[in-house]
Amino acid sequence: MKSKPDLLIDIERTATRILDSWKDKNSVIFCEEARKYTFNVIVKQVLGLTPEEPRTKEILQDFLTFMRGLISVPIYIPGTPYARAVQARIRISSTVKSIIEERRGNSCKKSSDFLEILLYVDTLSEDEKVSFVLDSLLGGYETTSLLMSMVVFFLDQSPNAAQQLEHEHRRIRSLKKNDEFLNWDDYKAMEFTHSVINEALRYGNVVKFVHRKAIKDVKFRDYIIPAGWKVLPVFSAVHLDPSLHGNALHFNPWRWQTEDQTCKKFTPFGGGSRCCPGFELAKVEVAFFLHHLVQNYRWKVEDSEQPIAYPYVEFQKGLKLSVQRLSS
């Protein structure tokens, strides 16, 4: 990330583009806005597509359909969420394959996205490359947008945290020239922002568990997990354990000024060799979006909406916010 300043610029431009579209609005459905933002970022980095291109909008709509059917009953009956999800994946795969063919037919023009690297991996079949692209899009899209929604929701309930966050970002902006983009050093200087993101990850538990498989017998305390058994580490059980986190059922970003975010009692992105490879990208996206949000808008959650988990975190009404643009 540090070595790719163009990526940071793309992220910030995408954030300001989304927020500029709010300027004449009194309310927004934030989950939809967050999905547009994270999708536009990841589709540019993976496929080299800009938000203005028709194929970007087509893939986004198909992805929304795909996500709605992802955890539905896997019985193919036309018209059901599962059937629509299957058809959406077929359309996305077809679009990705057409982009791959275009790249191969225009070998003189090199891109700097993930697909360009993937094209030269000879050990993967065409279908495996398409699946790799879909997994990359999915991993860099849904969970990050949910994290953004949780952050905005929690800040609405914690005005002191929102105020301190605004002060931090105004201080960072005051050290920049007009219209100068944020850089890696600015991101690392967002200390309280990192605390807010960490606390939203801990308290919100966007990813509650992961699927693992024991490849050999594993001893855990007084138990033996036999080879071949499936294991579901439940992150929320650790993150909400009052013996590990004081006042665990309270949103308190200040706790991260003293707690170690790399310890085993905080594992929102997994750990070890299976740690999520996109964790830093996700945090940069949230931080850069917050940088412009807190300096340009006030917001309030409408309809007393609360997040639910079934089994993933979601807002049934999409987290509707009333928004007010601040004067320059």
C-alpha atoms as a PDB file:
ATOM      1  CA  MET A   1       0.000   0.000   0.000  1.00  0.00           C
ATOM      2  CA  LYS A   2       2.786   2.408   0.927  1.00  0.00           C
ATOM      3  CA  SER A   3       4.483   1.743  -2.401  1.00  0.00           C
ATOM      4  CA  LYS A   4       1.282   2.373  -4.409  1.00  0.00           C
ATOM      5  CA  PRO A   5       0.392   6.073  -4.065  1.00  0.00           C
ATOM      6  CA  ASP A   6      -1.908   5.841  -7.096  1.00  0.00           C
ATOM      7  CA  LEU A   7      -4.052   3.335  -5.202  1.00  0.00           C
ATOM      8  CA  LEU A   8      -4.425   5.762  -2.296  1.00  0.00           C
ATOM      9  CA  ILE A   9      -5.398   8.538  -4.710  1.00  0.00           C
ATOM     10  CA  ASP A  10      -8.003   6.297  -6.357  1.00  0.00           C
ATOM     11  CA  ILE A  11      -9.492   5.453  -2.960  1.00  0.00           C
ATOM     12  CA  GLU A  12      -9.736   9.095  -1.915  1.00  0.00           C
ATOM     13  CA  ARG A  13     -11.215  10.188  -5.244  1.00  0.00           C
ATOM     14  CA  THR A  14     -13.850   7.480  -4.961  1.00  0.00           C
ATOM     15  CA  ALA A  15     -14.714   8.617  -1.431  1.00  0.00           C
ATOM     16  CA  THR A  16     -15.101  12.270  -2.411  1.00  0.00           C
ATOM     17  CA  ARG A  17     -17.159  11.312  -5.468  1.00  0.00           C
ATOM     18  CA  ILE A  18     -19.645   9.432  -3.274  1.00  0.00           C
ATOM     19  CA  LEU A  19     -19.838  12.215  -0.689  1.00  0.00           C
ATOM     20  CA  ASP A  20     -20.202  14.941  -3.328  1.00  0.00           C
ATOM     21  CA  SER A  21     -23.296  13.120  -4.591  1.00  0.00           C
ATOM     22  CA  TRP A  22     -24.938  13.778  -1.198  1.00  0.00           C
ATOM     23  CA  LYS A  23     -24.690  17.565  -1.339  1.00  0.00           C
ATOM     24  CA  ASP A  24     -28.311  18.121  -2.415  1.00  0.00           C
ATOM     25  CA  LYS A  25     -29.779  15.288  -0.340  1.00  0.00           C
ATOM     26  CA  ASN A  26     -31.413  15.316   3.073  1.00  0.00           C
ATOM     27  CA  SER A  27     -31.072  11.575   3.607  1.00  0.00           C
ATOM     28  CA  VAL A  28     -29.179   8.584   2.238  1.00  0.00           C
ATOM     29  CA  ILE A  29     -29.383   4.813   2.586  1.00  0.00           C
ATOM     30  CA  PHE A  30     -25.869   4.413   3.897  1.00  0.00           C
ATOM     31  CA  CYS A  31     -25.423   0.675   3.293  1.00  0.00           C
ATOM     32  CA  GLU A  32     -26.058   1.272  -0.412  1.00  0.00           C
ATOM     33  CA  GLU A  33     -23.603   4.182  -0.484  1.00  0.00           C
ATOM     34  CA  ALA A  34     -20.948   2.137   1.323  1.00  0.00           C
ATOM     35  CA  ARG A  35     -21.384  -0.748  -1.113  1.00  0.00           C
ATOM     36  CA  LYS A  36     -21.000   1.578  -4.090  1.00  0.00           C
ATOM     37  CA  TYR A  37     -17.836   3.010  -2.574  1.00  0.00           C
ATOM     38  CA  THR A  38     -16.121  -0.271  -1.692  1.00  0.00           C
ATOM     39  CA  PHE A  39     -17.201  -1.908  -4.942  1.00  0.00           C
ATOM     40  CA  ASN A  40     -15.879   0.954  -7.066  1.00  0.00           C
ATOM     41  CA  VAL A  41     -12.545   0.756  -5.235  1.00  0.00           C
ATOM     42  CA  ILE A  42     -12.113  -3.000  -5.580  1.00  0.00           C
ATOM     43  CA  VAL A  43     -13.365  -3.269  -9.175  1.00  0.00           C
ATOM     44  CA  LYS A  44     -10.788  -0.647 -10.203  1.00  0.00           C
ATOM     45  CA  GLN A  45      -7.958  -2.504  -8.464  1.00  0.00           C
ATOM     46  CA  VAL A  46      -8.985  -5.958  -9.682  1.00  0.00           C
ATOM     47  CA  LEU A  47     -10.373  -5.307 -13.177  1.00  0.00           C
ATOM     48  CA  GLY A  48      -9.236  -1.770 -13.953  1.00  0.00           C
ATOM     49  CA  LEU A  49     -12.822  -0.540 -14.428  1.00  0.00           C
ATOM     50  CA  THR A  50     -13.846   2.993 -13.481  1.00  0.00           C
ATOM     51  CA  PRO A  51     -17.221   3.853 -11.869  1.00  0.00           C
ATOM     52  CA  GLU A  52     -18.365   5.564 -15.081  1.00  0.00           C
ATOM     53  CA  GLU A  53     -18.062   2.469 -17.265  1.00  0.00           C
ATOM     54  CA  PRO A  54     -21.352   0.644 -17.998  1.00  0.00           C
ATOM     55  CA  ARG A  55     -19.811  -2.720 -17.132  1.00  0.00           C
ATOM     56  CA  THR A  56     -19.038  -1.498 -13.618  1.00  0.00           C
ATOM     57  CA  LYS A  57     -22.721  -0.789 -12.974  1.00  0.00           C
ATOM     58  CA  GLU A  58     -23.730  -4.120 -14.526  1.00  0.00           C
ATOM     59  CA  ILE A  59     -21.308  -6.072 -12.339  1.00  0.00           C
ATOM     60  CA  LEU A  60     -22.456  -4.163  -9.244  1.00  0.00           C
ATOM     61  CA  GLN A  61     -26.118  -4.993  -9.855  1.00  0.00           C
ATOM     62  CA  ASP A  62     -25.266  -8.640 -10.465  1.00  0.00           C
ATOM     63  CA  PHE A  63     -23.128  -8.679  -7.355  1.00  0.00           C
ATOM     64  CA  LEU A  64     -25.996  -7.330  -5.230  1.00  0.00           C
ATOM     65  CA  THR A  65     -28.225 -10.101  -6.607  1.00  0.00           C
ATOM     66  CA  PHE A  66     -25.491 -12.654  -5.965  1.00  0.00           C
ATOM     67  CA  MET A  67     -25.022 -11.500  -2.352  1.00  0.00           C
ATOM     68  CA  ARG A  68     -28.740 -11.688  -1.589  1.00  0.00           C
ATOM     69  CA  GLY A  69     -28.783 -15.346  -2.609  1.00  0.00           C
ATOM     70  CA  LEU A  70     -25.449 -16.308  -1.099  1.00  0.00           C
ATOM     71  CA  ILE A  71     -26.875 -17.644   2.179  1.00  0.00           C
ATOM     72  CA  SER A  72     -30.303 -18.695   0.899  1.00  0.00           C
ATOM     73  CA  VAL A  73     -31.579 -22.284   0.693  1.00  0.00           C
ATOM     74  CA  PRO A  74     -29.543 -23.901  -2.140  1.00  0.00           C
ATOM     75  CA  ILE A  75     -32.490 -25.263  -4.112  1.00  0.00           C
ATOM     76  CA  TYR A  76     -32.700 -24.099  -7.711  1.00  0.00           C
ATOM     77  CA  ILE A  77     -36.262 -22.945  -8.312  1.00  0.00           C
ATOM     78  CA  PRO A  78     -36.657 -20.151 -10.905  1.00  0.00           C
ATOM     79  CA  GLY A  79     -37.432 -16.819  -9.270  1.00  0.00           C
ATOM     80  CA  THR A  80     -35.950 -17.675  -5.859  1.00  0.00           C
ATOM     81  CA  PRO A  81     -32.978 -15.716  -4.425  1.00  0.00           C
ATOM     82  CA  TYR A  82     -30.736 -18.749  -4.939  1.00  0.00           C
ATOM     83  CA  ALA A  83     -31.704 -19.143  -8.606  1.00  0.00           C
ATOM     84  CA  ARG A  84     -31.209 -15.430  -9.242  1.00  0.00           C
ATOM     85  CA  ALA A  85     -27.809 -15.628  -7.515  1.00  0.00           C
ATOM     86  CA  VAL A  86     -26.725 -18.517  -9.748  1.00  0.00           C
ATOM     87  CA  GLN A  87     -27.730 -16.584 -12.869  1.00  0.00           C
ATOM     88  CA  ALA A  88     -26.004 -13.443 -11.577  1.00  0.00           C
ATOM     89  CA  ARG A  89     -22.755 -15.362 -11.063  1.00  0.00           C
ATOM     90  CA  ILE A  90     -22.971 -16.703 -14.615  1.00  0.00           C
ATOM     91  CA  ARG A  91     -23.361 -13.147 -15.939  1.00  0.00           C
ATOM     92  CA  ILE A  92     -20.437 -11.870 -13.833  1.00  0.00           C
ATOM     93  CA  SER A  93     -18.260 -14.761 -15.025  1.00  0.00           C
ATOM     94  CA  SER A  94     -19.166 -13.979 -18.626  1.00  0.00           C
ATOM     95  CA  THR A  95     -18.252 -10.307 -18.156  1.00  0.00           C
ATOM     96  CA  VAL A  96     -14.912 -11.172 -16.545  1.00  0.00           C
ATOM     97  CA  LYS A  97     -14.100 -13.633 -19.348  1.00  0.00           C
ATOM     98  CA  SER A  98     -14.830 -10.961 -21.956  1.00  0.00           C
ATOM     99  CA  ILE A  99     -12.468  -8.550 -20.160  1.00  0.00           C
ATOM    100  CA  ILE A 100      -9.775 -11.250 -20.110  1.00  0.00           C
ATOM    101  CA  GLU A 101     -10.186 -11.799 -23.860  1.00  0.00           C
ATOM    102  CA  GLU A 102      -9.948  -8.055 -24.507  1.00  0.00           C
ATOM    103  CA  ARG A 103      -6.719  -7.881 -22.506  1.00  0.00           C
ATOM    104  CA  ARG A 104      -5.208 -10.761 -24.431  1.00  0.00           C
ATOM    105  CA  GLY A 105      -6.180  -9.136 -27.718  1.00  0.00           C
ATOM    106  CA  ASN A 106      -4.551  -5.864 -26.686  1.00  0.00           C
ATOM    107  CA  SER A 107      -1.265  -7.128 -25.253  1.00  0.00           C
ATOM    108  CA  CYS A 108       0.557  -3.875 -26.066  1.00  0.00           C
ATOM    109  CA  LYS A 109      -1.455  -1.973 -23.463  1.00  0.00           C
ATOM    110  CA  LYS A 110      -0.397  -2.912 -19.940  1.00  0.00           C
ATOM    111  CA  SER A 111      -2.511  -2.293 -16.847  1.00  0.00           C
ATOM    112  CA  SER A 112      -1.490  -2.178 -13.198  1.00  0.00           C
ATOM    113  CA  ASP A 113      -4.467  -4.084 -11.794  1.00  0.00           C
ATOM    114  CA  PHE A 114      -4.721  -7.569 -10.318  1.00  0.00           C
ATOM    115  CA  LEU A 115      -6.112  -9.100 -13.509  1.00  0.00           C
ATOM    116  CA  GLU A 116      -2.961  -8.135 -15.407  1.00  0.00           C
ATOM    117  CA  ILE A 117      -0.899 -10.237 -12.990  1.00  0.00           C
ATOM    118  CA  LEU A 118      -3.373 -13.101 -13.119  1.00  0.00           C
ATOM    119  CA  LEU A 119      -3.209 -13.311 -16.915  1.00  0.00           C
ATOM    120  CA  TYR A 120       0.386 -14.516 -16.746  1.00  0.00           C
ATOM    121  CA  VAL A 121      -0.210 -17.267 -14.169  1.00  0.00           C
ATOM    122  CA  ASP A 122       0.037 -20.424 -16.276  1.00  0.00           C
ATOM    123  CA  THR A 123      -0.846 -22.816 -13.450  1.00  0.00           C
ATOM    124  CA  LEU A 124      -4.490 -21.669 -13.335  1.00  0.00           C
ATOM    125  CA  SER A 125      -7.214 -22.600 -15.799  1.00  0.00           C
ATOM    126  CA  GLU A 126      -9.536 -19.979 -17.290  1.00  0.00           C
ATOM    127  CA  ASP A 127     -12.346 -20.887 -14.889  1.00  0.00           C
ATOM    128  CA  GLU A 128      -9.960 -20.787 -11.923  1.00  0.00           C
ATOM    129  CA  LYS A 129      -8.841 -17.294 -12.897  1.00  0.00           C
ATOM    130  CA  VAL A 130     -12.465 -16.160 -13.109  1.00  0.00           C
ATOM    131  CA  SER A 131     -13.173 -17.682  -9.682  1.00  0.00           C
ATOM    132  CA  PHE A 132     -10.082 -15.945  -8.307  1.00  0.00           C
ATOM    133  CA  VAL A 133     -11.371 -12.604  -9.597  1.00  0.00           C
ATOM    134  CA  LEU A 134     -14.838 -13.198  -8.116  1.00  0.00           C
ATOM    135  CA  ASP A 135     -13.355 -14.139  -4.740  1.00  0.00           C
ATOM    136  CA  SER A 136     -11.213 -10.989  -4.784  1.00  0.00           C
ATOM    137  CA  LEU A 137     -14.219  -8.799  -5.596  1.00  0.00           C
ATOM    138  CA  LEU A 138     -16.321 -10.444  -2.903  1.00  0.00           C
ATOM    139  CA  GLY A 139     -13.611 -10.258  -0.249  1.00  0.00           C
ATOM    140  CA  GLY A 140     -12.899  -6.587  -0.914  1.00  0.00           C
ATOM    141  CA  TYR A 141     -16.499  -5.450  -1.134  1.00  0.00           C
ATOM    142  CA  GLU A 142     -19.107  -6.753   1.277  1.00  0.00           C
ATOM    143  CA  THR A 143     -17.250  -6.946   4.602  1.00  0.00           C
ATOM    144  CA  THR A 144     -15.613  -3.532   4.151  1.00  0.00           C
ATOM    145  CA  SER A 145     -18.947  -1.865   3.398  1.00  0.00           C
ATOM    146  CA  LEU A 146     -20.457  -3.521   6.494  1.00  0.00           C
ATOM    147  CA  LEU A 147     -17.548  -2.248   8.581  1.00  0.00           C
ATOM    148  CA  MET A 148     -18.181   1.284   7.292  1.00  0.00           C
ATOM    149  CA  SER A 149     -21.855   0.990   8.221  1.00  0.00           C
ATOM    150  CA  MET A 150     -20.995  -0.173  11.735  1.00  0.00           C
ATOM    151  CA  VAL A 151     -18.531   2.697  12.212  1.00  0.00           C
ATOM    152  CA  VAL A 152     -21.090   5.305  11.121  1.00  0.00           C
ATOM    153  CA  PHE A 153     -23.767   3.685  13.304  1.00  0.00           C
ATOM    154  CA  PHE A 154     -21.551   3.619  16.411  1.00  0.00           C
ATOM    155  CA  LEU A 155     -20.330   7.202  15.892  1.00  0.00           C
ATOM    156  CA  ASP A 156     -23.952   8.350  15.802  1.00  0.00           C
ATOM    157  CA  GLN A 157     -24.299   6.888  19.298  1.00  0.00           C
ATOM    158  CA  SER A 158     -20.982   8.295  20.531  1.00  0.00           C
ATOM    159  CA  PRO A 159     -20.840  12.056  19.860  1.00  0.00           C
ATOM    160  CA  ASN A 160     -17.619  12.428  21.877  1.00  0.00           C
ATOM    161  CA  ALA A 161     -15.877   9.940  19.609  1.00  0.00           C
ATOM    162  CA  ALA A 162     -17.271  11.665  16.506  1.00  0.00           C
ATOM    163  CA  GLN A 163     -16.025  15.024  17.770  1.00  0.00           C
ATOM    164  CA  GLN A 164     -12.526  13.735  18.530  1.00  0.00           C
ATOM    165  CA  LEU A 165     -12.439  12.070  15.125  1.00  0.00           C
ATOM    166  CA  GLU A 166     -13.351  15.344  13.430  1.00  0.00           C
ATOM    167  CA  HIS A 167     -10.618  17.203  15.327  1.00  0.00           C
ATOM    168  CA  GLU A 168      -8.034  14.624  14.258  1.00  0.00           C
ATOM    169  CA  HIS A 169      -8.951  14.885  10.587  1.00  0.00           C
ATOM    170  CA  ARG A 170      -9.136  18.679  10.586  1.00  0.00           C
ATOM    171  CA  ARG A 171      -5.638  18.734  12.072  1.00  0.00           C
ATOM    172  CA  ILE A 172      -4.359  16.398   9.348  1.00  0.00           C
ATOM    173  CA  ARG A 173      -6.077  18.458   6.641  1.00  0.00           C
ATOM    174  CA  SER A 174      -4.604  21.694   8.045  1.00  0.00           C
ATOM    175  CA  LEU A 175      -1.120  20.351   7.303  1.00  0.00           C
ATOM    176  CA  LYS A 176      -1.979  19.704   3.646  1.00  0.00           C
ATOM    177  CA  LYS A 177      -2.097  22.071   0.695  1.00  0.00           C
ATOM    178  CA  ASN A 178      -5.451  22.779  -0.933  1.00  0.00           C
ATOM    179  CA  ASP A 179      -6.669  19.726  -2.861  1.00  0.00           C
ATOM    180  CA  GLU A 180      -3.555  17.750  -1.877  1.00  0.00           C
ATOM    181  CA  PHE A 181      -4.277  14.037  -1.641  1.00  0.00           C
ATOM    182  CA  LEU A 182      -3.794  11.982   1.487  1.00  0.00           C
ATOM    183  CA  ASN A 183      -0.720   9.763   1.617  1.00  0.00           C
ATOM    184  CA  TRP A 184       0.517   6.807   3.637  1.00  0.00           C
ATOM    185  CA  ASP A 185       2.027   9.025   6.345  1.00  0.00           C
ATOM    186  CA  ASP A 186      -1.336  10.762   6.782  1.00  0.00           C
ATOM    187  CA  TYR A 187      -3.010   7.378   7.164  1.00  0.00           C
ATOM    188  CA  LYS A 188      -0.525   6.263   9.807  1.00  0.00           C
ATOM    189  CA  ALA A 189      -1.086   9.552  11.662  1.00  0.00           C
ATOM    190  CA  MET A 190      -4.830   8.821  12.043  1.00  0.00           C
ATOM    191  CA  GLU A 191      -4.334   7.288  15.483  1.00  0.00           C
ATOM    192  CA  PHE A 192      -7.818   7.820  16.885  1.00  0.00           C
ATOM    193  CA  THR A 193      -9.323   6.752  13.552  1.00  0.00           C
ATOM    194  CA  HIS A 194      -7.549   3.409  13.919  1.00  0.00           C
ATOM    195  CA  SER A 195      -8.972   3.126  17.434  1.00  0.00           C
ATOM    196  CA  VAL A 196     -12.503   3.751  16.130  1.00  0.00           C
ATOM    197  CA  ILE A 197     -12.087   1.166  13.366  1.00  0.00           C
ATOM    198  CA  ASN A 198     -10.653  -1.409  15.777  1.00  0.00           C
ATOM    199  CA  GLU A 199     -13.505  -0.898  18.212  1.00  0.00           C
ATOM    200  CA  ALA A 200     -16.106  -1.228  15.450  1.00  0.00           C
ATOM    201  CA  LEU A 201     -14.419  -4.473  14.417  1.00  0.00           C
ATOM    202  CA  ARG A 202     -14.404  -5.771  17.990  1.00  0.00           C
ATOM    203  CA  TYR A 203     -17.859  -4.647  19.064  1.00  0.00           C
ATOM    204  CA  GLY A 204     -19.579  -4.970  15.690  1.00  0.00           C
ATOM    205  CA  ASN A 205     -18.095  -8.337  14.714  1.00  0.00           C
ATOM    206  CA  VAL A 206     -18.691  -7.968  10.989  1.00  0.00           C
ATOM    207  CA  VAL A 207     -17.171 -11.441  10.525  1.00  0.00           C
ATOM    208  CA  LYS A 208     -18.382 -13.576  13.418  1.00  0.00           C
ATOM    209  CA  PHE A 209     -16.627 -16.826  12.508  1.00  0.00           C
ATOM    210  CA  VAL A 210     -14.497 -18.502   9.854  1.00  0.00           C
ATOM    211  CA  HIS A 211     -14.397 -22.023   8.445  1.00  0.00           C
ATOM    212  CA  ARG A 212     -11.275 -24.070   9.096  1.00  0.00           C
ATOM    213  CA  LYS A 213     -10.297 -27.738   8.805  1.00  0.00           C
ATOM    214  CA  ALA A 214      -7.808 -29.614  10.990  1.00  0.00           C
ATOM    215  CA  ILE A 215      -5.189 -31.154   8.688  1.00  0.00           C
ATOM    216  CA  LYS A 216      -3.781 -33.170  11.595  1.00  0.00           C
ATOM    217  CA  ASP A 217      -4.743 -33.947  15.190  1.00  0.00           C
ATOM    218  CA  VAL A 218      -4.639 -30.723  17.191  1.00  0.00           C
ATOM    219  CA  LYS A 219      -4.530 -30.506  20.970  1.00  0.00           C
ATOM    220  CA  PHE A 220      -6.389 -27.508  22.375  1.00  0.00           C
ATOM    221  CA  ARG A 221      -6.270 -27.353  26.156  1.00  0.00           C
ATOM    222  CA  ASP A 222      -7.758 -30.667  27.313  1.00  0.00           C
ATOM    223  CA  TYR A 223      -9.303 -31.505  23.948  1.00  0.00           C
ATOM    224  CA  ILE A 224      -8.080 -33.293  20.839  1.00  0.00           C
ATOM    225  CA  ILE A 225      -9.482 -32.043  17.516  1.00  0.00           C
ATOM    226  CA  PRO A 226      -9.113 -35.001  15.129  1.00  0.00           C
ATOM    227  CA  ALA A 227      -7.643 -34.548  11.657  1.00  0.00           C
ATOM    228  CA  GLY A 228     -10.340 -33.889   9.074  1.00  0.00           C
ATOM    229  CA  TRP A 229     -12.755 -32.229  11.485  1.00  0.00           C
ATOM    230  CA  LYS A 230     -14.232 -28.849  10.589  1.00  0.00           C
ATOM    231  CA  VAL A 231     -13.536 -26.061  13.070  1.00  0.00           C
ATOM    232  CA  LEU A 232     -15.437 -22.768  13.340  1.00  0.00           C
ATOM    233  CA  PRO A 233     -13.492 -20.239  15.435  1.00  0.00           C
ATOM    234  CA  VAL A 234     -16.119 -17.783  16.731  1.00  0.00           C
ATOM    235  CA  PHE A 235     -14.519 -14.337  16.907  1.00  0.00           C
ATOM    236  CA  SER A 236     -17.446 -12.679  18.669  1.00  0.00           C
ATOM    237  CA  ALA A 237     -17.050 -15.035  21.650  1.00  0.00           C
ATOM    238  CA  VAL A 238     -13.559 -13.624  22.163  1.00  0.00           C
ATOM    239  CA  HIS A 239     -14.285 -10.011  21.240  1.00  0.00           C
ATOM    240  CA  LEU A 240     -17.265  -9.738  23.620  1.00  0.00           C
ATOM    241  CA  ASP A 241     -15.700 -11.663  26.508  1.00  0.00           C
ATOM    242  CA  PRO A 242     -15.699  -9.341  29.574  1.00  0.00           C
ATOM    243  CA  SER A 243     -12.713 -11.205  31.018  1.00  0.00           C
ATOM    244  CA  LEU A 244     -10.664 -10.122  27.986  1.00  0.00           C
ATOM    245  CA  HIS A 245     -12.128  -6.673  27.265  1.00  0.00           C
ATOM    246  CA  GLY A 246     -13.283  -4.404  30.055  1.00  0.00           C
ATOM    247  CA  ASN A 247     -16.887  -3.234  29.669  1.00  0.00           C
ATOM    248  CA  ALA A 248     -17.033  -5.428  26.562  1.00  0.00           C
ATOM    249  CA  LEU A 249     -20.631  -4.553  25.621  1.00  0.00           C
ATOM    250  CA  HIS A 250     -19.851  -0.853  25.320  1.00  0.00           C
ATOM    251  CA  PHE A 251     -18.436   0.995  22.300  1.00  0.00           C
ATOM    252  CA  ASN A 252     -15.232   2.511  23.641  1.00  0.00           C
ATOM    253  CA  PRO A 253     -12.572   3.363  21.028  1.00  0.00           C
ATOM    254  CA  TRP A 254     -10.336   4.864  23.718  1.00  0.00           C
ATOM    255  CA  ARG A 255      -9.573   1.343  24.975  1.00  0.00           C
ATOM    256  CA  TRP A 256      -7.222   0.919  21.995  1.00  0.00           C
ATOM    257  CA  GLN A 257      -4.949   3.646  23.282  1.00  0.00           C
ATOM    258  CA  THR A 258      -3.691   1.082  25.810  1.00  0.00           C
ATOM    259  CA  GLU A 259      -4.719  -2.332  24.436  1.00  0.00           C
ATOM    260  CA  ASP A 260      -2.568  -4.245  21.939  1.00  0.00           C
ATOM    261  CA  GLN A 261      -4.387  -4.592  18.615  1.00  0.00           C
ATOM    262  CA  THR A 262      -2.085  -7.441  17.542  1.00  0.00           C
ATOM    263  CA  CYS A 263      -2.871  -9.687  20.517  1.00  0.00           C
ATOM    264  CA  LYS A 264      -4.732 -12.999  20.270  1.00  0.00           C
ATOM    265  CA  LYS A 265      -7.825 -11.573  21.954  1.00  0.00           C
ATOM    266  CA  PHE A 266      -8.459  -9.363  18.899  1.00  0.00           C
ATOM    267  CA  THR A 267      -8.680 -11.280  15.621  1.00  0.00           C
ATOM    268  CA  PRO A 268     -11.168  -9.558  13.269  1.00  0.00           C
ATOM    269  CA  PHE A 269      -9.127 -10.549  10.204  1.00  0.00           C
ATOM    270  CA  GLY A 270      -8.141 -14.016  11.373  1.00  0.00           C
ATOM    271  CA  GLY A 271      -4.528 -14.720  12.218  1.00  0.00           C
ATOM    272  CA  GLY A 272      -1.311 -16.421  11.275  1.00  0.00           C
ATOM    273  CA  SER A 273      -0.737 -17.527   7.691  1.00  0.00           C
ATOM    274  CA  ARG A 274      -4.500 -17.423   7.020  1.00  0.00           C
ATOM    275  CA  CYS A 275      -4.894 -13.777   7.997  1.00  0.00           C
ATOM    276  CA  CYS A 276      -7.038 -11.797   5.549  1.00  0.00           C
ATOM    277  CA  PRO A 277      -4.650 -10.350   2.919  1.00  0.00           C
ATOM    278  CA  GLY A 278      -6.851  -7.300   2.367  1.00  0.00           C
ATOM    279  CA  PHE A 279      -7.116  -6.114   5.960  1.00  0.00           C
ATOM    280  CA  GLU A 280      -4.978  -2.995   5.452  1.00  0.00           C
ATOM    281  CA  LEU A 281      -6.857  -2.025   2.286  1.00  0.00           C
ATOM    282  CA  ALA A 282     -10.149  -2.263   4.182  1.00  0.00           C
ATOM    283  CA  LYS A 283      -8.887  -0.005   6.968  1.00  0.00           C
ATOM    284  CA  VAL A 284      -7.500   2.546   4.497  1.00  0.00           C
ATOM    285  CA  GLU A 285     -10.844   2.697   2.693  1.00  0.00           C
ATOM    286  CA  VAL A 286     -12.719   3.343   5.933  1.00  0.00           C
ATOM    287  CA  ALA A 287     -10.171   5.882   7.189  1.00  0.00           C
ATOM    288  CA  PHE A 288     -10.120   7.917   3.958  1.00  0.00           C
ATOM    289  CA  PHE A 289     -13.914   7.938   3.763  1.00  0.00           C
ATOM    290  CA  LEU A 290     -14.166   9.111   7.385  1.00  0.00           C
ATOM    291  CA  HIS A 291     -11.597  11.831   6.685  1.00  0.00           C
ATOM    292  CA  HIS A 292     -13.998  13.555   4.294  1.00  0.00           C
ATOM    293  CA  LEU A 293     -17.251  12.522   5.978  1.00  0.00           C
ATOM    294  CA  VAL A 294     -16.565  14.061   9.400  1.00  0.00           C
ATOM    295  CA  GLN A 295     -15.302  17.319   7.883  1.00  0.00           C
ATOM    296  CA  ASN A 296     -18.219  17.809   5.507  1.00  0.00           C
ATOM    297  CA  TYR A 297     -21.345  16.280   7.052  1.00  0.00           C
ATOM    298  CA  ARG A 298     -23.377  15.798  10.196  1.00  0.00           C
ATOM    299  CA  TRP A 299     -25.562  12.689  10.233  1.00  0.00           C
ATOM    300  CA  LYS A 300     -28.233  11.041  12.322  1.00  0.00           C
ATOM    301  CA  VAL A 301     -29.534   7.470  12.155  1.00  0.00           C
ATOM    302  CA  GLU A 302     -33.258   7.514  11.331  1.00  0.00           C
ATOM    303  CA  ASP A 303     -36.012   5.152  12.494  1.00  0.00           C
ATOM    304  CA  SER A 304     -33.979   4.015  15.539  1.00  0.00           C
ATOM    305  CA  GLU A 305     -32.484   1.270  13.384  1.00  0.00           C
ATOM    306  CA  GLN A 306     -30.309  -1.383  15.011  1.00  0.00           C
ATOM    307  CA  PRO A 307     -27.961  -3.898  13.342  1.00  0.00           C
ATOM    308  CA  ILE A 308     -28.968  -7.547  13.378  1.00  0.00           C
ATOM    309  CA  ALA A 309     -26.953 -10.707  12.677  1.00  0.00           C
ATOM    310  CA  TYR A 310     -28.556 -13.424  10.548  1.00  0.00           C
ATOM    311  CA  PRO A 311     -25.887 -14.804  10.482  1.00  0.00           C
ATOM    312  CA  TYR A 312     -24.017 -11.824   9.036  1.00  0.00           C
ATOM    313  CA  VAL A 313     -24.444  -8.285  10.293  1.00  0.00           C
ATOM    314  CA  GLU A 314     -26.994  -6.253   8.367  1.00  0.00           C
ATOM    315  CA  PHE A 315     -29.375  -3.327   8.698  1.00  0.00           C
ATOM    316  CA  GLN A 316     -32.860  -4.335   7.596  1.00  0.00           C
ATOM    317  CA  LYS A 317     -33.700  -0.836   6.352  1.00  0.00           C
ATOM    318  CA  GLY A 318     -30.236  -0.187   4.931  1.00  0.00           C
ATOM    319  CA  LEU A 319     -29.202   2.278   7.685  1.00  0.00           C
ATOM    320  CA  LYS A 320     -31.046   5.410   6.599  1.00  0.00           C
ATOM    321  CA  LEU A 321     -29.245   8.585   7.640  1.00  0.00           C
ATOM    322  CA  SER A 322     -30.434  12.157   7.691  1.00  0.00           C
ATOM    323  CA  VAL A 323     -27.465  14.194   6.474  1.00  0.00           C
ATOM    324  CA  GLN A 324     -26.589  17.869   6.667  1.00  0.00           C
ATOM    325  CA  ARG A 325     -23.723  19.317   4.650  1.00  0.00           C
ATOM    326  CA  LEU A 326     -21.454  21.663   6.575  1.00  0.00           C
ATOM    327  CA  SER A 327     -20.514  25.047   5.177  1.00  0.00           C
ATOM    328  CA  SER A 328     -17.002  25.283   3.763  1.00  0.00           C
END
